[in-house]
Amino acid sequence: MSTLSAQHILVAHEYEAQDVGKKLAAGESFENLARDFSLCSSRSSGGHLGEFPRGRMVPAFEKAVLALRPGEVSGPVKTPFGYHVIKRL
């Protein structure tokens, strides 16, 4: 079974995820934005989730990761936890 690797920033509202995307496009660091805005405990490590097997994450999150090429960043991805901005590693 192959593993995936990603970073994410979890926020409560879509507009917050869009704002994070704008900050990324302006050149701000993914890691710093994760530390400043993410609701997930992974914020302390810059949003790094490490490696995880397929099937471990909720379907919408995994589908978004699989649609990205390494280094690419998603737009807002809605899951039961909130809205994610995801960077595939």
N, C-alpha and C. Protein backbone atom coordinates (compact mmCIF):
# COMPACT_ATOMS: atom_id res chain seq x y z
N MET A 1 0.85 -1.19 0.00
CA MET A 1 0.00 0.00 0.00
C MET A 1 0.89 1.24 0.00
N SER A 2 0.60 2.16 -0.91
CA SER A 2 1.40 3.38 -1.00
C SER A 2 0.98 4.38 0.07
N THR A 3 1.92 5.22 0.44
CA THR A 3 1.61 6.24 1.43
C THR A 3 1.59 7.61 0.76
N LEU A 4 0.92 8.52 1.40
CA LEU A 4 0.84 9.91 0.96
C LEU A 4 1.50 10.78 2.02
N SER A 5 1.86 12.00 1.64
CA SER A 5 2.45 12.93 2.60
C SER A 5 1.94 14.33 2.26
N ALA A 6 1.54 15.07 3.31
CA ALA A 6 0.98 16.39 3.08
C ALA A 6 1.13 17.28 4.30
N GLN A 7 0.94 18.57 4.05
CA GLN A 7 0.78 19.57 5.10
C GLN A 7 -0.61 20.13 4.93
N HIS A 8 -1.18 20.67 6.01
CA HIS A 8 -2.47 21.34 5.84
C HIS A 8 -2.63 22.45 6.85
N ILE A 9 -3.57 23.32 6.51
CA ILE A 9 -3.99 24.39 7.40
C ILE A 9 -5.50 24.22 7.53
N LEU A 10 -5.97 24.01 8.73
CA LEU A 10 -7.39 23.79 9.00
C LEU A 10 -7.99 25.04 9.62
N VAL A 11 -9.07 25.53 8.99
CA VAL A 11 -9.78 26.70 9.51
C VAL A 11 -11.27 26.38 9.56
N ALA A 12 -12.03 27.21 10.24
CA ALA A 12 -13.46 26.94 10.44
C ALA A 12 -14.33 27.35 9.25
N HIS A 13 -13.91 28.37 8.50
CA HIS A 13 -14.78 28.93 7.47
C HIS A 13 -14.07 28.99 6.12
N GLU A 14 -14.86 28.87 5.06
CA GLU A 14 -14.29 28.90 3.71
C GLU A 14 -13.56 30.22 3.44
N TYR A 15 -14.12 31.34 3.88
CA TYR A 15 -13.45 32.62 3.63
C TYR A 15 -12.07 32.68 4.28
N GLU A 16 -11.90 31.98 5.41
CA GLU A 16 -10.57 31.95 6.05
C GLU A 16 -9.60 31.14 5.18
N ALA A 17 -10.07 30.04 4.61
CA ALA A 17 -9.22 29.23 3.73
C ALA A 17 -8.85 30.03 2.49
N GLN A 18 -9.79 30.80 1.96
CA GLN A 18 -9.50 31.64 0.79
C GLN A 18 -8.47 32.71 1.15
N ASP A 19 -8.56 33.28 2.34
CA ASP A 19 -7.61 34.28 2.80
C ASP A 19 -6.21 33.67 2.93
N VAL A 20 -6.14 32.45 3.47
CA VAL A 20 -4.85 31.76 3.57
C VAL A 20 -4.27 31.56 2.17
N GLY A 21 -5.11 31.17 1.22
CA GLY A 21 -4.66 30.99 -0.17
C GLY A 21 -4.08 32.26 -0.75
N LYS A 22 -4.71 33.39 -0.45
CA LYS A 22 -4.21 34.68 -0.94
C LYS A 22 -2.85 35.00 -0.31
N LYS A 23 -2.70 34.70 0.97
CA LYS A 23 -1.43 34.95 1.64
C LYS A 23 -0.32 34.07 1.05
N LEU A 24 -0.67 32.82 0.72
CA LEU A 24 0.30 31.92 0.09
C LEU A 24 0.70 32.45 -1.28
N ALA A 25 -0.29 32.90 -2.04
CA ALA A 25 -0.01 33.44 -3.38
C ALA A 25 0.87 34.69 -3.31
N ALA A 26 0.78 35.42 -2.20
CA ALA A 26 1.60 36.62 -2.01
C ALA A 26 3.00 36.27 -1.52
N GLY A 27 3.26 34.97 -1.31
CA GLY A 27 4.60 34.55 -0.95
C GLY A 27 4.83 34.21 0.51
N GLU A 28 3.78 34.22 1.32
CA GLU A 28 3.97 33.88 2.73
C GLU A 28 4.23 32.38 2.87
N SER A 29 4.93 32.01 3.91
CA SER A 29 5.34 30.63 4.16
C SER A 29 4.16 29.78 4.63
N PHE A 30 4.01 28.59 4.01
CA PHE A 30 2.96 27.66 4.42
C PHE A 30 3.10 27.33 5.90
N GLU A 31 4.33 27.07 6.34
CA GLU A 31 4.58 26.69 7.73
C GLU A 31 4.17 27.80 8.70
N ASN A 32 4.53 29.04 8.36
CA ASN A 32 4.17 30.15 9.24
C ASN A 32 2.66 30.36 9.29
N LEU A 33 2.00 30.24 8.14
CA LEU A 33 0.54 30.40 8.11
C LEU A 33 -0.14 29.29 8.91
N ALA A 34 0.40 28.07 8.82
CA ALA A 34 -0.16 26.97 9.61
C ALA A 34 -0.04 27.27 11.10
N ARG A 35 1.12 27.75 11.51
CA ARG A 35 1.33 28.07 12.93
C ARG A 35 0.40 29.19 13.40
N ASP A 36 0.14 30.15 12.51
CA ASP A 36 -0.68 31.32 12.87
C ASP A 36 -2.18 31.06 12.81
N PHE A 37 -2.64 30.21 11.88
CA PHE A 37 -4.07 30.12 11.63
C PHE A 37 -4.71 28.75 11.82
N SER A 38 -3.94 27.67 11.75
CA SER A 38 -4.56 26.34 11.75
C SER A 38 -5.16 25.98 13.11
N LEU A 39 -6.30 25.31 13.05
CA LEU A 39 -6.97 24.82 14.27
C LEU A 39 -6.47 23.43 14.66
N CYS A 40 -5.70 22.80 13.79
CA CYS A 40 -5.21 21.43 14.03
C CYS A 40 -3.94 21.46 14.89
N SER A 41 -3.76 20.44 15.68
CA SER A 41 -2.56 20.36 16.52
C SER A 41 -1.29 20.27 15.67
N SER A 42 -1.41 19.92 14.40
CA SER A 42 -0.24 19.87 13.51
C SER A 42 0.33 21.26 13.26
N ARG A 43 -0.38 22.30 13.71
CA ARG A 43 0.12 23.67 13.49
C ARG A 43 1.50 23.86 14.11
N SER A 44 1.77 23.18 15.21
CA SER A 44 3.06 23.35 15.88
C SER A 44 4.22 22.83 15.03
N SER A 45 3.92 21.96 14.05
CA SER A 45 4.95 21.46 13.14
C SER A 45 4.77 22.02 11.73
N GLY A 46 4.15 23.20 11.63
CA GLY A 46 3.96 23.84 10.34
C GLY A 46 2.93 23.16 9.46
N GLY A 47 2.03 22.41 10.10
CA GLY A 47 0.97 21.72 9.36
C GLY A 47 1.36 20.37 8.80
N HIS A 48 2.57 19.91 9.10
CA HIS A 48 3.03 18.62 8.58
C HIS A 48 2.23 17.47 9.20
N LEU A 49 1.70 16.61 8.33
CA LEU A 49 0.96 15.43 8.77
C LEU A 49 1.80 14.17 8.67
N GLY A 50 2.99 14.28 8.10
CA GLY A 50 3.83 13.11 7.91
C GLY A 50 3.26 12.21 6.82
N GLU A 51 3.70 10.96 6.81
CA GLU A 51 3.19 10.00 5.84
C GLU A 51 1.98 9.29 6.43
N PHE A 52 1.02 9.00 5.56
CA PHE A 52 -0.17 8.28 6.00
C PHE A 52 -0.63 7.37 4.87
N PRO A 53 -1.18 6.21 5.22
CA PRO A 53 -1.65 5.28 4.19
C PRO A 53 -2.96 5.75 3.57
N ARG A 54 -3.19 5.33 2.35
CA ARG A 54 -4.48 5.60 1.72
C ARG A 54 -5.57 4.99 2.58
N GLY A 55 -6.68 5.72 2.68
CA GLY A 55 -7.81 5.24 3.48
C GLY A 55 -7.81 5.74 4.91
N ARG A 56 -6.74 6.39 5.34
CA ARG A 56 -6.67 6.86 6.72
C ARG A 56 -7.39 8.20 6.92
N MET A 57 -7.31 9.07 5.92
CA MET A 57 -7.93 10.39 6.02
C MET A 57 -9.36 10.33 5.48
N VAL A 58 -10.17 11.32 5.84
CA VAL A 58 -11.54 11.37 5.32
C VAL A 58 -11.48 11.47 3.80
N PRO A 59 -12.48 10.92 3.10
CA PRO A 59 -12.42 10.84 1.63
C PRO A 59 -12.16 12.16 0.91
N ALA A 60 -12.80 13.25 1.31
CA ALA A 60 -12.59 14.53 0.61
C ALA A 60 -11.14 15.00 0.73
N PHE A 61 -10.53 14.79 1.89
CA PHE A 61 -9.14 15.19 2.11
C PHE A 61 -8.23 14.34 1.22
N GLU A 62 -8.42 13.03 1.26
CA GLU A 62 -7.56 12.14 0.47
C GLU A 62 -7.71 12.42 -1.02
N LYS A 63 -8.93 12.63 -1.48
CA LYS A 63 -9.16 12.92 -2.89
C LYS A 63 -8.41 14.18 -3.31
N ALA A 64 -8.43 15.20 -2.45
CA ALA A 64 -7.72 16.44 -2.75
C ALA A 64 -6.21 16.22 -2.81
N VAL A 65 -5.68 15.44 -1.87
CA VAL A 65 -4.24 15.15 -1.87
C VAL A 65 -3.85 14.44 -3.16
N LEU A 66 -4.65 13.45 -3.55
CA LEU A 66 -4.33 12.67 -4.75
C LEU A 66 -4.42 13.51 -6.02
N ALA A 67 -5.22 14.56 -6.02
CA ALA A 67 -5.36 15.43 -7.20
C ALA A 67 -4.20 16.40 -7.35
N LEU A 68 -3.39 16.55 -6.30
CA LEU A 68 -2.27 17.49 -6.33
C LEU A 68 -0.98 16.80 -6.74
N ARG A 69 -0.12 17.54 -7.42
CA ARG A 69 1.25 17.06 -7.65
C ARG A 69 2.09 17.51 -6.46
N PRO A 70 3.19 16.83 -6.18
CA PRO A 70 4.06 17.27 -5.09
C PRO A 70 4.42 18.75 -5.22
N GLY A 71 4.25 19.48 -4.10
CA GLY A 71 4.54 20.91 -4.07
C GLY A 71 3.33 21.78 -4.37
N GLU A 72 2.28 21.20 -4.94
CA GLU A 72 1.07 21.97 -5.25
C GLU A 72 0.22 22.18 -4.01
N VAL A 73 -0.54 23.28 -4.02
CA VAL A 73 -1.41 23.64 -2.90
C VAL A 73 -2.85 23.69 -3.40
N SER A 74 -3.75 23.15 -2.62
CA SER A 74 -5.17 23.12 -2.98
C SER A 74 -5.86 24.44 -2.66
N GLY A 75 -7.03 24.60 -3.21
CA GLY A 75 -7.96 25.61 -2.76
C GLY A 75 -8.66 25.05 -1.52
N PRO A 76 -9.69 25.73 -1.02
CA PRO A 76 -10.41 25.23 0.16
C PRO A 76 -11.02 23.84 -0.08
N VAL A 77 -10.80 22.94 0.87
CA VAL A 77 -11.35 21.58 0.81
C VAL A 77 -12.21 21.39 2.06
N LYS A 78 -13.50 21.16 1.85
CA LYS A 78 -14.43 21.02 2.98
C LYS A 78 -14.47 19.57 3.45
N THR A 79 -14.32 19.40 4.76
CA THR A 79 -14.50 18.09 5.40
C THR A 79 -15.35 18.32 6.65
N PRO A 80 -15.72 17.26 7.36
CA PRO A 80 -16.47 17.45 8.61
C PRO A 80 -15.71 18.26 9.66
N PHE A 81 -14.40 18.42 9.50
CA PHE A 81 -13.58 19.14 10.48
C PHE A 81 -13.52 20.64 10.21
N GLY A 82 -13.85 21.05 9.00
CA GLY A 82 -13.76 22.44 8.61
C GLY A 82 -13.23 22.55 7.19
N TYR A 83 -12.47 23.59 6.92
CA TYR A 83 -11.90 23.82 5.60
C TYR A 83 -10.38 23.72 5.68
N HIS A 84 -9.83 22.98 4.73
CA HIS A 84 -8.39 22.74 4.69
C HIS A 84 -7.78 23.40 3.47
N VAL A 85 -6.57 23.90 3.63
CA VAL A 85 -5.70 24.23 2.51
C VAL A 85 -4.59 23.20 2.62
N ILE A 86 -4.40 22.43 1.55
CA ILE A 86 -3.52 21.26 1.60
C ILE A 86 -2.35 21.45 0.64
N LYS A 87 -1.17 21.09 1.10
CA LYS A 87 0.01 21.06 0.26
C LYS A 87 0.52 19.62 0.22
N ARG A 88 0.59 19.06 -1.00
CA ARG A 88 1.10 17.70 -1.12
C ARG A 88 2.62 17.73 -1.08
N LEU A 89 3.19 16.81 -0.34
CA LEU A 89 4.64 16.71 -0.23
C LEU A 89 5.15 15.51 -1.00
